[in-house]
Amino acid sequence: MSANLLATAESWDLVAGDYAEFAPMIVRPFAARALELAGLASDSRIIDVAAGPGALSLSAAAQVASVHAVDFSEEMLTRLREAAAAAGFANISTTVADGQALPFDDESF
């Protein structure tokens, strides 16, 4: 096990429920600003790396064609999928993967 507990999916899986409840309130303003600076178009396909419960993914979904959320914590992505379904977003997909070794071709997003 890594000496840095934040570097393990298992640690994030354990806190996913509480994190999904409280973190979006803190992260949402930063996500909104990031999306503003990105200058997205309605046909944009974006990737959200280390998506967690999806503050950025959920904010972006209303603005773009598709969002692909990546996180190494399955539990975090479960929370994101639940929130996306509750919000009626069908354009968010998820992949469990390490953000430092993405399983996508270059320039896919």
Protein backbone atom coordinates (compact mmCIF):
# COMPACT_ATOMS: atom_id res chain seq x y z
CA MET A 1 0.00 0.00 0.00
CA SER A 2 1.17 3.51 -0.80
CA ALA A 3 2.36 5.68 2.07
CA ASN A 4 0.06 8.40 0.70
CA LEU A 5 -3.47 7.26 1.44
CA LEU A 6 -4.86 9.82 -1.01
CA ALA A 7 -3.06 7.97 -3.79
CA THR A 8 -5.15 4.82 -3.42
CA ALA A 9 -8.56 4.12 -4.90
CA GLU A 10 -9.49 2.15 -1.81
CA SER A 11 -9.19 5.23 0.41
CA TRP A 12 -11.42 7.26 -1.88
CA ASP A 13 -13.91 4.39 -2.15
CA LEU A 14 -14.26 4.48 1.64
CA VAL A 15 -15.13 8.18 1.77
CA ALA A 16 -17.09 8.45 -1.47
CA GLY A 17 -20.51 8.89 0.15
CA ASP A 18 -19.54 11.75 2.44
CA TYR A 19 -17.27 13.32 -0.17
CA ALA A 20 -20.07 13.29 -2.76
CA GLU A 21 -22.36 14.99 -0.27
CA PHE A 22 -20.07 17.86 0.77
CA ALA A 23 -17.26 18.38 -1.77
CA PRO A 24 -19.42 19.59 -4.68
CA MET A 25 -20.43 22.69 -2.71
CA ILE A 26 -16.76 23.62 -2.46
CA VAL A 27 -15.66 22.50 -5.92
CA ARG A 28 -18.60 23.77 -8.00
CA PRO A 29 -17.41 27.44 -8.22
CA PHE A 30 -13.95 26.31 -9.37
CA ALA A 31 -15.50 23.95 -11.92
CA ALA A 32 -17.68 26.76 -13.27
CA ARG A 33 -14.67 29.03 -13.67
CA ALA A 34 -12.63 26.29 -15.37
CA LEU A 35 -15.44 25.70 -17.85
CA GLU A 36 -15.74 29.44 -18.49
CA LEU A 37 -12.01 29.68 -19.24
CA ALA A 38 -12.11 26.60 -21.48
CA GLY A 39 -14.41 28.32 -23.97
CA LEU A 40 -16.38 25.19 -24.77
CA ALA A 41 -18.72 24.78 -27.73
CA SER A 42 -21.93 22.77 -27.84
CA ASP A 43 -20.17 20.10 -29.93
CA SER A 44 -17.21 19.78 -27.53
CA ARG A 45 -16.18 16.36 -26.22
CA ILE A 46 -14.39 16.75 -22.92
CA ILE A 47 -12.63 14.55 -20.42
CA ASP A 48 -12.76 15.11 -16.66
CA VAL A 49 -9.72 13.43 -15.09
CA ALA A 50 -9.94 12.63 -11.38
CA ALA A 51 -13.65 13.40 -11.69
CA GLY A 52 -14.64 12.22 -8.24
CA PRO A 53 -18.41 12.62 -7.80
CA GLY A 54 -18.50 14.90 -10.84
CA ALA A 55 -18.79 18.57 -9.98
CA LEU A 56 -17.06 19.52 -13.24
CA SER A 57 -18.68 16.73 -15.29
CA LEU A 58 -22.18 17.67 -14.18
CA SER A 59 -21.59 21.37 -14.80
CA ALA A 60 -20.18 20.68 -18.26
CA ALA A 61 -22.85 18.21 -19.36
CA ALA A 62 -25.39 20.95 -20.01
CA GLN A 63 -22.93 22.81 -22.24
CA VAL A 64 -21.22 20.15 -24.37
CA ALA A 65 -21.95 17.15 -26.57
CA SER A 66 -20.28 14.64 -24.25
CA VAL A 67 -18.32 14.32 -21.05
CA HIS A 68 -16.10 11.37 -20.25
CA ALA A 69 -15.35 11.17 -16.53
CA VAL A 70 -12.31 9.23 -15.34
CA ASP A 71 -11.42 8.35 -11.77
CA PHE A 72 -9.61 5.46 -10.11
CA SER A 73 -12.37 5.16 -7.49
CA GLU A 74 -15.34 3.10 -8.68
CA GLU A 75 -17.37 4.39 -5.74
CA MET A 76 -16.80 8.01 -6.77
CA LEU A 77 -17.94 7.22 -10.30
CA THR A 78 -20.99 5.43 -8.92
CA ARG A 79 -21.96 8.67 -7.15
CA LEU A 80 -21.37 10.58 -10.38
CA ARG A 81 -23.56 8.20 -12.40
CA GLU A 82 -26.33 8.52 -9.81
CA ALA A 83 -26.15 12.32 -9.90
CA ALA A 84 -26.10 12.35 -13.71
CA ALA A 85 -29.18 10.12 -13.87
CA ALA A 86 -30.99 12.27 -11.29
CA ALA A 87 -30.19 15.40 -13.34
CA GLY A 88 -31.30 13.73 -16.58
CA PHE A 89 -27.88 13.81 -18.26
CA ALA A 90 -27.35 11.00 -20.76
CA ASN A 91 -24.15 12.46 -22.22
CA ILE A 92 -21.81 11.52 -19.35
CA SER A 93 -19.85 8.28 -19.54
CA THR A 94 -17.37 6.97 -16.99
CA THR A 95 -14.18 4.92 -16.94
CA VAL A 96 -12.29 3.57 -13.95
CA ALA A 97 -8.66 4.40 -14.72
CA ASP A 98 -5.53 6.02 -13.36
CA GLY A 99 -5.38 9.66 -14.42
CA GLN A 100 -1.63 9.28 -14.92
CA ALA A 101 -2.08 6.48 -17.46
CA LEU A 102 -5.21 7.28 -19.43
CA PRO A 103 -6.53 4.52 -21.71
CA PHE A 104 -7.39 6.87 -24.59
CA ASP A 105 -5.70 7.87 -27.82
CA ASP A 106 -4.06 11.28 -27.88
CA GLU A 107 -6.33 14.11 -29.00
CA SER A 108 -9.49 12.07 -28.35
CA PHE A 109 -11.04 14.97 -26.45
